[in-house]
């Protein structure tokens, strides 16, 4: 069993930090959106090319922030990124071991392991965590699904993948994983249990 984090194990809402910081900086919505788009236009943080320190520097430079303001902004972004734990789903995932090997596969940025470990102790939840920034591959790249399976030593056909993004679910299914689109906790738990019973 491989689970996504944001939108699945963690409930993540709209990025409230954006509106708060736009107003704090006195920028119009188009000005703020354009500035944020320039911070990591190539999505480099997601594959580990851009470190957390470099990302912080880019935010500071692009938005004209002091070091203290940049640190505060990053703290707000991490609070949003980590969301709120879905306690029911996490408890279920924890209950799967040892009868099922479990992992997390997350598109992430440098610092995610630290922040999610500190808040939720995710390493104790599963057998393995594949963070995109640590392996240089991000969903929906087929290679990252194959890597996650290889690290669990389970073939794709025997692996179930749960994600809330249809593009990632489709990509996982295309390389042979049994992929489930997460819509609700109850539905996901029922679907996973049905697959386990069938196996």
Protein backbone atom coordinates (compact mmCIF):
# COMPACT_ATOMS: atom_id res chain seq x y z
CA UNK A 1 0.00 0.00 0.00
CA UNK A 2 1.38 3.38 -1.05
CA UNK A 3 -0.33 6.58 0.10
CA UNK A 4 -0.03 10.19 -0.94
CA UNK A 5 0.25 12.70 1.90
CA UNK A 6 -1.21 16.12 1.01
CA UNK A 7 -4.93 15.73 0.35
CA UNK A 8 -4.94 12.13 1.61
CA UNK A 9 -3.18 11.54 4.94
CA UNK A 10 -3.15 15.28 5.54
CA UNK A 11 -6.14 17.51 4.84
CA UNK A 12 -4.81 20.59 3.07
CA UNK A 13 -7.04 23.55 2.36
CA UNK A 14 -6.62 26.67 0.25
CA UNK A 15 -3.30 28.46 0.86
CA UNK A 16 -4.50 31.11 3.31
CA UNK A 17 -0.93 32.34 3.69
CA UNK A 18 -1.09 33.83 0.20
CA UNK A 19 -3.90 36.27 0.97
CA UNK A 20 -2.39 37.20 4.33
CA UNK A 21 1.01 37.96 2.82
CA UNK A 22 -0.42 39.75 -0.22
CA UNK A 23 -2.25 42.13 2.08
CA UNK A 24 0.75 42.48 4.39
CA UNK A 25 2.94 43.48 1.43
CA UNK A 26 0.32 45.75 -0.11
CA UNK A 27 0.34 43.99 -3.47
CA UNK A 28 -2.53 43.57 -5.88
CA UNK A 29 -3.59 40.02 -6.68
CA UNK A 30 -1.98 40.07 -10.15
CA UNK A 31 1.26 41.51 -8.71
CA UNK A 32 1.42 38.91 -5.98
CA UNK A 33 0.54 36.02 -8.30
CA UNK A 34 3.23 37.09 -10.76
CA UNK A 35 5.83 37.35 -8.00
CA UNK A 36 5.00 33.93 -6.56
CA UNK A 37 5.12 32.39 -10.04
CA UNK A 38 8.68 33.67 -10.45
CA UNK A 39 9.95 32.09 -7.22
CA UNK A 40 10.16 28.56 -8.66
CA UNK A 41 8.93 28.83 -12.22
CA UNK A 42 10.50 25.52 -13.19
CA UNK A 43 9.20 23.52 -10.24
CA UNK A 44 12.78 22.80 -9.19
CA UNK A 45 12.02 22.46 -5.48
CA UNK A 46 9.86 19.40 -6.14
CA UNK A 47 12.79 17.39 -7.50
CA UNK A 48 15.36 18.66 -5.03
CA UNK A 49 17.20 20.98 -7.39
CA UNK A 50 16.19 23.96 -5.28
CA UNK A 51 17.00 23.66 -1.57
CA UNK A 52 14.88 25.07 1.23
CA UNK A 53 17.49 27.78 1.84
CA UNK A 54 17.52 28.72 -1.83
CA UNK A 55 13.73 28.79 -1.92
CA UNK A 56 13.67 31.07 1.12
CA UNK A 57 16.17 33.38 -0.59
CA UNK A 58 14.08 33.50 -3.74
CA UNK A 59 10.96 34.41 -1.77
CA UNK A 60 12.93 37.13 0.04
CA UNK A 61 14.37 38.55 -3.16
CA UNK A 62 11.16 38.37 -5.18
CA UNK A 63 8.92 39.83 -2.48
CA UNK A 64 11.46 42.20 -0.91
CA UNK A 65 11.42 40.47 2.47
CA UNK A 66 13.80 40.86 5.36
CA UNK A 67 15.41 37.71 6.80
CA UNK A 68 12.89 37.71 9.66
CA UNK A 69 9.98 38.14 7.24
CA UNK A 70 11.30 35.37 4.99
CA UNK A 71 11.51 33.01 7.96
CA UNK A 72 7.95 33.92 8.98
CA UNK A 73 6.72 33.34 5.43
CA UNK A 74 8.36 29.92 5.27
CA UNK A 75 6.82 28.99 8.62
CA UNK A 76 3.37 29.96 7.30
CA UNK A 77 3.93 27.95 4.13
CA UNK A 78 4.97 24.86 6.11
CA UNK A 79 1.90 25.17 8.35
CA UNK A 80 -0.28 25.18 5.25
CA UNK A 81 1.70 22.44 3.50
CA UNK A 82 1.40 20.02 6.43
CA UNK A 83 -2.31 20.68 6.83
CA UNK A 84 -4.27 18.73 9.41
CA UNK A 85 -3.77 15.01 9.91
CA UNK A 86 -6.65 12.73 8.93
CA UNK A 87 -6.53 10.82 12.21
CA UNK A 88 -8.99 8.12 11.09
CA UNK A 89 -7.14 7.32 7.88
CA UNK A 90 -3.75 7.44 9.60
CA UNK A 91 -4.98 5.03 12.26
CA UNK A 92 -6.15 2.69 9.52
CA UNK A 93 -2.82 2.90 7.69
CA UNK A 94 -1.03 2.12 10.95
CA UNK A 95 -3.27 -0.93 11.44
CA UNK A 96 -2.20 -2.40 8.09
CA UNK A 97 1.23 -3.35 9.36
CA UNK A 98 2.62 -5.97 9.51
CA UNK A 99 0.14 -7.79 7.26
CA UNK A 100 0.80 -5.30 4.43
CA UNK A 101 3.93 -3.35 3.50
CA UNK A 102 3.17 0.37 3.50
CA UNK A 103 4.79 3.48 2.12
CA UNK A 104 4.24 7.16 1.49
CA UNK A 105 4.91 8.71 -1.92
CA UNK A 106 4.80 12.48 -1.82
CA UNK A 107 5.64 15.34 -4.14
CA UNK A 108 7.56 17.49 -1.74
CA UNK A 109 10.26 20.08 -1.17
CA UNK A 110 13.38 20.22 0.96
CA UNK A 111 12.28 20.39 4.60
CA UNK A 112 9.16 18.24 4.21
CA UNK A 113 10.63 15.26 6.06
CA UNK A 114 11.61 17.47 8.98
CA UNK A 115 8.28 19.29 9.17
CA UNK A 116 6.04 16.23 8.78
CA UNK A 117 8.16 14.15 11.13
CA UNK A 118 8.04 16.86 13.78
CA UNK A 119 4.30 17.30 13.52
CA UNK A 120 3.06 13.80 12.79
CA UNK A 121 5.97 11.34 13.14
CA UNK A 122 5.23 9.92 9.70
CA UNK A 123 8.36 7.69 9.65
CA UNK A 124 6.82 5.55 12.39
CA UNK A 125 3.63 5.12 10.36
CA UNK A 126 4.96 3.27 7.31
CA UNK A 127 7.80 1.06 6.12
CA UNK A 128 9.19 3.67 3.74
CA UNK A 129 8.73 7.29 2.66
CA UNK A 130 9.61 8.41 -0.86
CA UNK A 131 9.86 12.19 -1.00
CA UNK A 132 10.19 13.55 -4.54
CA UNK A 133 12.82 16.13 -3.58
CA UNK A 134 15.01 13.40 -2.09
CA UNK A 135 14.90 11.05 -5.09
CA UNK A 136 14.78 13.62 -7.91
CA UNK A 137 11.54 12.23 -9.33
CA UNK A 138 8.01 13.53 -8.91
CA UNK A 139 4.54 12.20 -9.67
CA UNK A 140 3.23 11.63 -12.31
CA UNK A 141 6.63 10.46 -13.64
CA UNK A 142 6.25 6.67 -14.10
CA UNK A 143 9.74 6.14 -12.71
CA UNK A 144 8.80 7.34 -9.24
CA UNK A 145 6.06 4.70 -8.93
CA UNK A 146 8.46 1.99 -10.00
CA UNK A 147 11.01 3.24 -7.49
CA UNK A 148 8.48 3.17 -4.65
CA UNK A 149 7.55 -0.42 -5.52
CA UNK A 150 11.19 -1.45 -5.76
CA UNK A 151 11.96 0.02 -2.35
CA UNK A 152 9.13 -2.04 -0.87
CA UNK A 153 10.28 -5.08 -2.87
CA UNK A 154 6.71 -5.55 -4.13
CA UNK A 155 5.79 -5.72 -7.84
CA UNK A 156 3.43 -3.04 -9.21
CA UNK A 157 0.65 -5.60 -9.80
CA UNK A 158 0.64 -6.37 -6.07
CA UNK A 159 0.73 -2.71 -5.03
CA UNK A 160 -2.17 -0.36 -4.31
CA UNK A 161 -1.62 3.37 -4.71
CA UNK A 162 -3.93 6.03 -3.21
CA UNK A 163 -3.83 9.66 -4.31
CA UNK A 164 -6.29 12.55 -4.57
CA UNK A 165 -4.98 13.78 -7.94
CA UNK A 166 -6.49 11.99 -10.96
CA UNK A 167 -3.33 12.58 -13.03
CA UNK A 168 -1.26 10.69 -10.47
CA UNK A 169 -3.80 7.88 -10.18
CA UNK A 170 -3.85 7.49 -13.96
CA UNK A 171 -0.05 7.49 -14.14
CA UNK A 172 0.24 4.82 -11.45
CA UNK A 173 -2.37 2.65 -13.16
CA UNK A 174 -0.53 3.01 -16.47
CA UNK A 175 2.54 1.27 -15.01
CA UNK A 176 0.51 -1.53 -13.44
CA UNK A 177 -0.32 -0.40 -9.91
CA UNK A 178 -3.86 -0.78 -8.61
CA UNK A 179 -4.62 2.90 -8.25
CA UNK A 180 -7.42 4.42 -6.19
CA UNK A 181 -8.65 8.00 -6.32
CA UNK A 182 -9.11 9.31 -2.78
CA UNK A 183 -12.41 11.13 -2.33
CA UNK A 184 -13.22 10.41 1.30
CA UNK A 185 -11.73 8.50 4.21
CA UNK A 186 -14.58 5.98 4.45
CA UNK A 187 -14.55 5.27 0.72
CA UNK A 188 -10.78 4.78 0.63
CA UNK A 189 -10.71 2.46 3.63
CA UNK A 190 -13.54 0.37 2.16
CA UNK A 191 -11.81 0.16 -1.22
CA UNK A 192 -8.48 -0.85 0.29
CA UNK A 193 -10.10 -3.49 2.49
CA UNK A 194 -11.95 -4.92 -0.51
CA UNK A 195 -8.67 -5.26 -2.41
CA UNK A 196 -6.95 -6.92 0.56
CA UNK A 197 -9.81 -9.41 0.98
CA UNK A 198 -9.78 -10.20 -2.73
CA UNK A 199 -6.04 -10.83 -2.60
